[in-house]
N, C-alpha and C. Protein backbone atom coordinates (compact mmCIF):
# COMPACT_ATOMS: atom_id res chain seq x y z
N MET A 1 4.77 -13.81 -25.27
CA MET A 1 4.65 -12.37 -25.11
C MET A 1 3.84 -12.05 -23.85
N PHE A 2 4.04 -10.91 -23.29
CA PHE A 2 3.36 -10.51 -22.07
C PHE A 2 2.36 -9.39 -22.37
N ASP A 3 1.45 -9.19 -21.47
CA ASP A 3 0.44 -8.15 -21.57
C ASP A 3 0.90 -6.93 -20.73
N LYS A 4 0.82 -5.74 -21.29
CA LYS A 4 1.27 -4.53 -20.57
C LYS A 4 0.47 -4.29 -19.30
N GLU A 5 -0.81 -4.62 -19.32
CA GLU A 5 -1.63 -4.44 -18.11
C GLU A 5 -1.15 -5.38 -17.00
N ASN A 6 -0.75 -6.58 -17.36
CA ASN A 6 -0.20 -7.51 -16.36
C ASN A 6 1.14 -7.01 -15.83
N LEU A 7 1.94 -6.40 -16.70
CA LEU A 7 3.20 -5.80 -16.26
C LEU A 7 2.92 -4.71 -15.23
N LYS A 8 1.96 -3.85 -15.50
CA LYS A 8 1.62 -2.77 -14.56
C LYS A 8 1.19 -3.33 -13.21
N LYS A 9 0.33 -4.34 -13.24
CA LYS A 9 -0.13 -4.94 -11.98
C LYS A 9 1.04 -5.56 -11.22
N PHE A 10 1.92 -6.21 -11.94
CA PHE A 10 3.09 -6.82 -11.30
C PHE A 10 3.99 -5.75 -10.69
N LEU A 11 4.24 -4.65 -11.43
CA LEU A 11 5.08 -3.57 -10.91
C LEU A 11 4.53 -3.02 -9.60
N VAL A 12 3.23 -2.84 -9.52
CA VAL A 12 2.62 -2.32 -8.29
C VAL A 12 2.91 -3.26 -7.13
N LYS A 13 2.68 -4.54 -7.32
CA LYS A 13 2.95 -5.53 -6.26
C LYS A 13 4.43 -5.54 -5.88
N ALA A 14 5.29 -5.58 -6.89
CA ALA A 14 6.73 -5.68 -6.66
C ALA A 14 7.27 -4.46 -5.92
N LYS A 15 6.87 -3.29 -6.33
CA LYS A 15 7.39 -2.08 -5.70
C LYS A 15 6.88 -1.92 -4.28
N ARG A 16 5.63 -2.30 -4.04
CA ARG A 16 5.10 -2.24 -2.66
C ARG A 16 5.81 -3.25 -1.76
N ALA A 17 6.25 -4.37 -2.32
CA ALA A 17 6.87 -5.43 -1.53
C ALA A 17 8.37 -5.23 -1.32
N THR A 18 8.97 -4.28 -2.03
CA THR A 18 10.42 -4.10 -1.93
C THR A 18 10.76 -2.79 -1.23
N TYR A 19 11.27 -1.79 -1.92
CA TYR A 19 11.73 -0.57 -1.24
C TYR A 19 10.64 0.10 -0.42
N ALA A 20 9.44 0.20 -0.97
CA ALA A 20 8.35 0.87 -0.25
C ALA A 20 7.97 0.13 1.03
N ALA A 21 8.32 -1.14 1.15
CA ALA A 21 8.01 -1.92 2.34
C ALA A 21 8.93 -1.58 3.52
N GLY A 22 9.97 -0.80 3.26
CA GLY A 22 10.86 -0.39 4.33
C GLY A 22 11.68 -1.54 4.90
N ASP A 23 11.77 -1.60 6.21
CA ASP A 23 12.61 -2.59 6.88
C ASP A 23 12.12 -4.02 6.71
N SER A 24 10.85 -4.19 6.34
CA SER A 24 10.34 -5.56 6.18
C SER A 24 10.77 -6.19 4.85
N ALA A 25 11.31 -5.39 3.94
CA ALA A 25 11.76 -5.91 2.64
C ALA A 25 13.08 -6.67 2.80
N GLN A 26 13.21 -7.75 2.07
CA GLN A 26 14.45 -8.55 2.06
C GLN A 26 15.47 -7.84 1.17
N LYS A 27 16.58 -7.39 1.77
CA LYS A 27 17.62 -6.67 1.05
C LYS A 27 18.92 -7.46 1.09
N THR A 28 19.66 -7.40 -0.01
CA THR A 28 20.97 -8.02 -0.07
C THR A 28 21.99 -6.92 -0.33
N ILE A 29 23.01 -6.85 0.51
CA ILE A 29 24.13 -5.93 0.29
C ILE A 29 25.18 -6.71 -0.49
N ASN A 30 25.49 -6.22 -1.68
CA ASN A 30 26.41 -6.91 -2.58
C ASN A 30 27.87 -6.51 -2.32
N ASP A 31 28.79 -7.29 -2.89
CA ASP A 31 30.22 -7.01 -2.74
C ASP A 31 30.60 -5.63 -3.26
N ASP A 32 29.86 -5.14 -4.27
CA ASP A 32 30.16 -3.83 -4.84
C ASP A 32 29.54 -2.68 -4.04
N LYS A 33 28.96 -2.99 -2.88
CA LYS A 33 28.34 -2.04 -1.95
C LYS A 33 26.96 -1.56 -2.42
N SER A 34 26.41 -2.18 -3.45
CA SER A 34 25.05 -1.86 -3.86
C SER A 34 24.07 -2.71 -3.05
N THR A 35 22.81 -2.30 -3.09
CA THR A 35 21.74 -3.03 -2.41
C THR A 35 20.80 -3.59 -3.47
N THR A 36 20.37 -4.83 -3.30
CA THR A 36 19.47 -5.47 -4.25
C THR A 36 18.21 -5.94 -3.53
N LEU A 37 17.07 -5.70 -4.17
CA LEU A 37 15.77 -6.18 -3.71
C LEU A 37 15.15 -6.96 -4.85
N ILE A 38 14.60 -8.13 -4.54
CA ILE A 38 14.01 -8.99 -5.58
C ILE A 38 12.61 -9.41 -5.17
N PHE A 39 11.71 -9.41 -6.16
CA PHE A 39 10.34 -9.89 -5.95
C PHE A 39 9.99 -10.78 -7.14
N GLU A 40 9.44 -11.96 -6.86
CA GLU A 40 9.07 -12.89 -7.92
C GLU A 40 7.63 -13.35 -7.73
N GLU A 41 6.94 -13.51 -8.86
CA GLU A 41 5.57 -14.04 -8.84
C GLU A 41 5.28 -14.67 -10.20
N GLY A 42 5.06 -15.97 -10.20
CA GLY A 42 4.78 -16.68 -11.45
C GLY A 42 5.92 -16.52 -12.44
N ASP A 43 5.59 -16.07 -13.66
CA ASP A 43 6.58 -15.88 -14.72
C ASP A 43 7.35 -14.56 -14.59
N TRP A 44 7.01 -13.76 -13.59
CA TRP A 44 7.57 -12.42 -13.44
C TRP A 44 8.66 -12.38 -12.37
N LYS A 45 9.68 -11.54 -12.62
CA LYS A 45 10.71 -11.28 -11.62
C LYS A 45 11.08 -9.80 -11.68
N TYR A 46 11.14 -9.18 -10.52
CA TYR A 46 11.51 -7.76 -10.38
C TYR A 46 12.85 -7.70 -9.66
N HIS A 47 13.76 -6.90 -10.17
CA HIS A 47 15.11 -6.79 -9.62
C HIS A 47 15.44 -5.30 -9.50
N ASP A 48 15.59 -4.81 -8.28
CA ASP A 48 15.93 -3.41 -8.02
C ASP A 48 17.32 -3.41 -7.41
N ASN A 49 18.23 -2.64 -8.00
CA ASN A 49 19.60 -2.56 -7.53
C ASN A 49 19.99 -1.09 -7.46
N TYR A 50 20.47 -0.64 -6.29
CA TYR A 50 20.83 0.77 -6.15
C TYR A 50 22.10 0.95 -5.31
N PHE A 51 22.72 2.11 -5.52
CA PHE A 51 23.89 2.54 -4.77
C PHE A 51 23.51 3.78 -3.96
N GLY A 52 24.08 3.92 -2.78
CA GLY A 52 23.83 5.11 -1.97
C GLY A 52 22.79 4.79 -0.94
N GLY A 53 22.52 5.74 -0.43
CA GLY A 53 22.52 6.79 0.51
C GLY A 53 22.36 8.11 -0.19
N GLU A 54 23.25 8.94 0.12
CA GLU A 54 23.14 10.34 -0.30
C GLU A 54 24.31 10.77 -1.16
N PRO A 55 24.07 11.15 -2.40
CA PRO A 55 22.86 10.84 -3.18
C PRO A 55 22.79 9.35 -3.51
N TYR A 56 21.73 8.94 -4.18
CA TYR A 56 21.55 7.54 -4.54
C TYR A 56 21.21 7.42 -6.02
N GLY A 57 21.42 6.24 -6.58
CA GLY A 57 21.05 5.98 -7.96
C GLY A 57 20.90 4.48 -8.16
N GLY A 58 20.05 4.11 -9.10
CA GLY A 58 19.87 2.69 -9.33
C GLY A 58 19.02 2.39 -10.54
N ARG A 59 18.62 1.12 -10.61
CA ARG A 59 17.78 0.70 -11.72
C ARG A 59 16.92 -0.49 -11.33
N GLU A 60 15.75 -0.52 -11.93
CA GLU A 60 14.83 -1.63 -11.76
C GLU A 60 14.72 -2.35 -13.09
N VAL A 61 14.68 -3.67 -13.06
CA VAL A 61 14.48 -4.46 -14.27
C VAL A 61 13.38 -5.48 -13.97
N VAL A 62 12.47 -5.66 -14.93
CA VAL A 62 11.47 -6.71 -14.82
C VAL A 62 11.75 -7.73 -15.91
N PHE A 63 11.70 -8.99 -15.50
CA PHE A 63 11.89 -10.12 -16.41
C PHE A 63 10.56 -10.87 -16.53
N PHE A 64 10.25 -11.31 -17.74
CA PHE A 64 9.09 -12.16 -17.98
C PHE A 64 9.60 -13.44 -18.62
N LYS A 65 9.37 -14.55 -17.96
CA LYS A 65 9.87 -15.85 -18.41
C LYS A 65 11.38 -15.80 -18.67
N GLY A 66 12.09 -15.11 -17.77
CA GLY A 66 13.55 -15.06 -17.84
C GLY A 66 14.12 -14.02 -18.79
N GLN A 67 13.27 -13.31 -19.53
CA GLN A 67 13.74 -12.30 -20.49
C GLN A 67 13.47 -10.90 -19.96
N PRO A 68 14.45 -9.98 -20.07
CA PRO A 68 14.21 -8.61 -19.62
C PRO A 68 13.17 -7.93 -20.53
N VAL A 69 12.17 -7.28 -19.91
CA VAL A 69 11.13 -6.62 -20.70
C VAL A 69 10.93 -5.15 -20.32
N TYR A 70 11.48 -4.73 -19.16
CA TYR A 70 11.23 -3.38 -18.65
C TYR A 70 12.44 -2.93 -17.85
N ILE A 71 12.75 -1.63 -17.95
CA ILE A 71 13.81 -1.05 -17.13
C ILE A 71 13.43 0.37 -16.74
N MET A 72 13.85 0.76 -15.55
CA MET A 72 13.74 2.15 -15.11
C MET A 72 15.01 2.49 -14.35
N THR A 73 15.62 3.61 -14.67
CA THR A 73 16.77 4.10 -13.93
C THR A 73 16.34 5.33 -13.14
N TYR A 74 17.02 5.57 -12.02
CA TYR A 74 16.64 6.69 -11.17
C TYR A 74 17.85 7.25 -10.44
N TYR A 75 17.76 8.54 -10.07
CA TYR A 75 18.83 9.21 -9.35
C TYR A 75 18.21 10.32 -8.52
N GLY A 76 18.59 10.42 -7.25
CA GLY A 76 18.03 11.47 -6.41
C GLY A 76 18.84 11.74 -5.18
N GLN A 77 18.40 12.79 -4.46
CA GLN A 77 19.09 13.15 -3.23
C GLN A 77 18.27 14.10 -2.38
N VAL A 78 18.57 14.06 -1.09
CA VAL A 78 18.00 14.98 -0.12
C VAL A 78 18.91 16.21 -0.09
N ASP A 79 18.32 17.39 0.01
CA ASP A 79 19.10 18.63 0.09
C ASP A 79 20.07 18.54 1.26
N GLU A 80 21.29 19.03 1.04
CA GLU A 80 22.34 18.90 2.06
C GLU A 80 22.05 19.69 3.34
N THR A 81 21.09 20.63 3.30
CA THR A 81 20.75 21.40 4.49
C THR A 81 19.81 20.64 5.43
N VAL A 82 19.27 19.52 4.98
CA VAL A 82 18.32 18.75 5.78
C VAL A 82 19.08 17.91 6.81
N SER A 83 18.70 18.04 8.08
CA SER A 83 19.38 17.27 9.13
C SER A 83 18.70 15.93 9.38
N ASP A 84 17.39 15.83 9.15
CA ASP A 84 16.66 14.59 9.40
C ASP A 84 16.32 13.90 8.08
N VAL A 85 17.30 13.20 7.51
CA VAL A 85 17.14 12.51 6.23
C VAL A 85 16.09 11.40 6.35
N LYS A 86 16.03 10.73 7.51
CA LYS A 86 15.06 9.64 7.70
C LYS A 86 13.63 10.13 7.54
N LYS A 87 13.34 11.34 7.96
CA LYS A 87 11.99 11.90 7.83
C LYS A 87 11.62 12.04 6.34
N VAL A 88 12.58 12.46 5.55
CA VAL A 88 12.34 12.63 4.11
C VAL A 88 12.10 11.27 3.46
N TYR A 89 12.94 10.29 3.78
CA TYR A 89 12.75 8.96 3.20
C TYR A 89 11.51 8.28 3.75
N GLY A 90 11.07 8.68 4.92
CA GLY A 90 9.82 8.16 5.46
C GLY A 90 8.63 8.55 4.62
N ILE A 91 8.54 9.83 4.24
CA ILE A 91 7.42 10.25 3.38
C ILE A 91 7.58 9.66 1.99
N LEU A 92 8.83 9.51 1.52
CA LEU A 92 9.04 8.91 0.21
C LEU A 92 8.50 7.47 0.20
N MET A 93 8.82 6.69 1.21
CA MET A 93 8.32 5.31 1.26
C MET A 93 6.79 5.28 1.35
N SER A 94 6.22 6.20 2.13
CA SER A 94 4.76 6.27 2.23
C SER A 94 4.14 6.59 0.87
N ALA A 95 4.75 7.53 0.14
CA ALA A 95 4.24 7.90 -1.18
C ALA A 95 4.38 6.74 -2.17
N LEU A 96 5.51 6.04 -2.11
CA LEU A 96 5.74 4.93 -3.04
C LEU A 96 4.77 3.77 -2.81
N LYS A 97 4.26 3.62 -1.60
CA LYS A 97 3.24 2.60 -1.33
C LYS A 97 1.93 2.92 -2.06
N LEU A 98 1.75 4.19 -2.43
CA LEU A 98 0.53 4.64 -3.10
C LEU A 98 0.70 4.67 -4.62
N ILE A 99 1.61 3.89 -5.13
CA ILE A 99 1.92 3.84 -6.56
C ILE A 99 0.63 3.69 -7.38
N PRO A 100 0.41 4.57 -8.37
CA PRO A 100 -0.80 4.46 -9.18
C PRO A 100 -0.75 3.25 -10.13
N GLU A 101 -1.81 2.49 -10.18
CA GLU A 101 -1.82 1.28 -11.00
C GLU A 101 -1.72 1.57 -12.50
N GLU A 102 -2.24 2.70 -12.95
CA GLU A 102 -2.19 3.02 -14.38
C GLU A 102 -0.84 3.58 -14.81
N LYS A 103 -0.11 4.20 -13.88
CA LYS A 103 1.21 4.79 -14.16
C LYS A 103 2.16 4.34 -13.06
N PRO A 104 2.56 3.07 -13.06
CA PRO A 104 3.33 2.51 -11.95
C PRO A 104 4.82 2.82 -12.00
N TYR A 105 5.14 4.10 -11.99
CA TYR A 105 6.55 4.49 -12.10
C TYR A 105 7.14 4.77 -10.72
N ARG A 106 6.55 5.66 -9.99
CA ARG A 106 6.99 5.98 -8.62
C ARG A 106 5.72 6.16 -7.79
N GLY A 107 5.55 7.29 -7.13
CA GLY A 107 4.38 7.51 -6.29
C GLY A 107 3.24 8.20 -7.03
N PRO A 108 2.22 8.65 -6.28
CA PRO A 108 1.09 9.35 -6.90
C PRO A 108 1.49 10.75 -7.34
N LYS A 109 0.61 11.43 -8.02
CA LYS A 109 0.88 12.81 -8.45
C LYS A 109 1.22 13.70 -7.26
N GLU A 110 0.51 13.49 -6.15
CA GLU A 110 0.73 14.32 -4.97
C GLU A 110 0.34 13.56 -3.71
N TYR A 111 1.10 13.79 -2.65
CA TYR A 111 0.82 13.16 -1.36
C TYR A 111 1.32 14.09 -0.26
N ARG A 112 0.49 14.35 0.72
CA ARG A 112 0.88 15.24 1.82
C ARG A 112 0.87 14.47 3.13
N LYS A 113 1.89 14.73 3.95
CA LYS A 113 1.97 14.15 5.29
C LYS A 113 2.53 15.23 6.21
N GLY A 114 1.65 15.83 6.99
CA GLY A 114 2.07 16.93 7.86
C GLY A 114 2.56 18.10 7.05
N GLU A 115 3.74 18.58 7.38
CA GLU A 115 4.32 19.74 6.67
C GLU A 115 5.07 19.33 5.39
N LEU A 116 5.10 18.03 5.11
CA LEU A 116 5.82 17.53 3.93
C LEU A 116 4.87 17.26 2.77
N LEU A 117 5.28 17.66 1.58
CA LEU A 117 4.49 17.45 0.37
C LEU A 117 5.35 16.73 -0.66
N TYR A 118 4.87 15.58 -1.14
CA TYR A 118 5.51 14.82 -2.21
C TYR A 118 4.78 15.13 -3.51
N VAL A 119 5.53 15.46 -4.56
CA VAL A 119 4.95 15.76 -5.87
C VAL A 119 5.70 14.94 -6.92
N ASN A 120 4.95 14.27 -7.79
CA ASN A 120 5.52 13.42 -8.83
C ASN A 120 4.96 13.87 -10.18
N ASN A 121 5.81 14.38 -11.05
CA ASN A 121 5.42 14.80 -12.40
C ASN A 121 6.05 13.86 -13.40
N PHE A 122 5.24 13.32 -14.30
CA PHE A 122 5.77 12.38 -15.28
C PHE A 122 5.01 12.50 -16.60
N THR A 123 5.64 11.98 -17.65
CA THR A 123 5.02 11.93 -18.97
C THR A 123 5.28 10.55 -19.55
N GLY A 124 4.43 10.15 -20.48
CA GLY A 124 4.64 8.91 -21.20
C GLY A 124 3.81 7.76 -20.65
N GLU A 125 3.96 6.64 -21.30
CA GLU A 125 3.26 5.41 -20.94
C GLU A 125 4.29 4.36 -20.54
N ILE A 126 3.85 3.21 -20.16
CA ILE A 126 4.73 2.16 -19.67
C ILE A 126 5.83 1.80 -20.69
N ASP A 127 5.55 2.01 -21.98
CA ASP A 127 6.53 1.74 -23.04
C ASP A 127 7.75 2.65 -22.96
N ASN A 128 7.52 3.93 -22.58
CA ASN A 128 8.56 4.95 -22.65
C ASN A 128 8.10 6.13 -21.80
N PHE A 129 8.71 6.37 -20.66
CA PHE A 129 8.26 7.42 -19.75
C PHE A 129 9.44 8.08 -19.07
N SER A 130 9.19 9.23 -18.48
CA SER A 130 10.19 9.90 -17.66
C SER A 130 9.46 10.76 -16.65
N GLY A 131 10.16 11.11 -15.60
CA GLY A 131 9.53 11.94 -14.59
C GLY A 131 10.51 12.43 -13.56
N GLU A 132 9.98 13.24 -12.66
CA GLU A 132 10.76 13.70 -11.53
C GLU A 132 9.84 13.83 -10.34
N GLU A 133 10.42 13.60 -9.18
CA GLU A 133 9.66 13.74 -7.95
C GLU A 133 10.40 14.69 -7.02
N ILE A 134 9.63 15.45 -6.25
CA ILE A 134 10.21 16.36 -5.28
C ILE A 134 9.45 16.21 -3.96
N ILE A 135 10.13 16.56 -2.91
CA ILE A 135 9.49 16.67 -1.61
C ILE A 135 9.79 18.06 -1.09
N LYS A 136 8.73 18.72 -0.62
CA LYS A 136 8.87 20.06 -0.05
C LYS A 136 8.47 20.03 1.42
N GLU A 137 9.17 20.84 2.18
CA GLU A 137 8.81 21.03 3.58
C GLU A 137 8.46 22.50 3.76
N ASN A 138 7.21 22.76 4.12
CA ASN A 138 6.72 24.14 4.27
C ASN A 138 7.05 24.97 3.03
N GLY A 139 6.88 24.38 1.84
CA GLY A 139 7.09 25.09 0.58
C GLY A 139 8.51 25.07 0.04
N LYS A 140 9.49 24.63 0.83
CA LYS A 140 10.89 24.61 0.39
C LYS A 140 11.25 23.21 -0.10
N GLU A 141 11.84 23.11 -1.29
CA GLU A 141 12.24 21.82 -1.83
C GLU A 141 13.40 21.24 -1.02
N ILE A 142 13.20 20.00 -0.54
CA ILE A 142 14.25 19.35 0.28
C ILE A 142 14.70 18.02 -0.31
N TYR A 143 14.06 17.59 -1.39
CA TYR A 143 14.41 16.31 -2.03
C TYR A 143 14.05 16.42 -3.51
N HIS A 144 14.89 15.81 -4.35
CA HIS A 144 14.64 15.82 -5.80
C HIS A 144 15.19 14.53 -6.40
N ALA A 145 14.40 13.92 -7.28
CA ALA A 145 14.87 12.72 -8.00
C ALA A 145 14.31 12.73 -9.41
N LYS A 146 15.04 12.12 -10.32
CA LYS A 146 14.60 11.96 -11.71
C LYS A 146 14.62 10.49 -12.05
N TYR A 147 13.75 10.10 -12.98
CA TYR A 147 13.70 8.71 -13.43
C TYR A 147 13.27 8.66 -14.90
N ILE A 148 13.65 7.56 -15.54
CA ILE A 148 13.32 7.35 -16.95
C ILE A 148 13.25 5.84 -17.19
N GLY A 149 12.35 5.42 -18.06
CA GLY A 149 12.27 3.98 -18.31
C GLY A 149 11.31 3.61 -19.40
N GLY A 150 11.09 2.32 -19.54
CA GLY A 150 10.17 1.79 -20.53
C GLY A 150 10.48 0.33 -20.85
N LEU A 151 9.87 -0.12 -21.90
CA LEU A 151 10.04 -1.51 -22.32
C LEU A 151 11.41 -1.68 -23.01
N VAL A 152 11.96 -2.87 -22.89
CA VAL A 152 13.24 -3.18 -23.54
C VAL A 152 13.11 -4.53 -24.27
N ASP A 153 13.96 -4.69 -25.27
CA ASP A 153 14.11 -5.96 -25.99
C ASP A 153 12.77 -6.47 -26.54
N GLN A 154 12.06 -5.60 -27.26
CA GLN A 154 10.74 -5.95 -27.77
C GLN A 154 10.73 -6.43 -29.21
N ARG A 155 11.79 -6.15 -29.98
CA ARG A 155 11.83 -6.62 -31.38
C ARG A 155 12.60 -7.93 -31.43
N ARG A 156 12.00 -8.89 -32.01
CA ARG A 156 12.65 -10.20 -32.11
C ARG A 156 12.96 -10.52 -33.54
């Protein structure tokens, strides 16, 4: 069995080393046109697989000793009126690097970078949680995503 606190610590490391790491992350483009990012440490393995661009959707799975123990699914998009999508994903990656260790789902509750504001609202614990994140530019919402997740395969 695994410890939930160790899962949280692992998620923080894994997420910082994968999508939030930007171009330095090792990405695999699969035959089905999805992108996969993998991070492994000891008995733990993190697997993030997503489709898109605009909009995008995907899922993260954590394995402990080869068994799936955690999943999170997500879906989001940049508003179609935004011409500089890279700027939006730039603040998103910056926010995701600041993932809170106690609630390692996405980014912090709030993060500001210039005229852009990232806001993450969530409920629940690592066992069962959901949330949504938005990015605003000068008060106008330009990005929105939802996510849900928790522990899996816990009854034996």
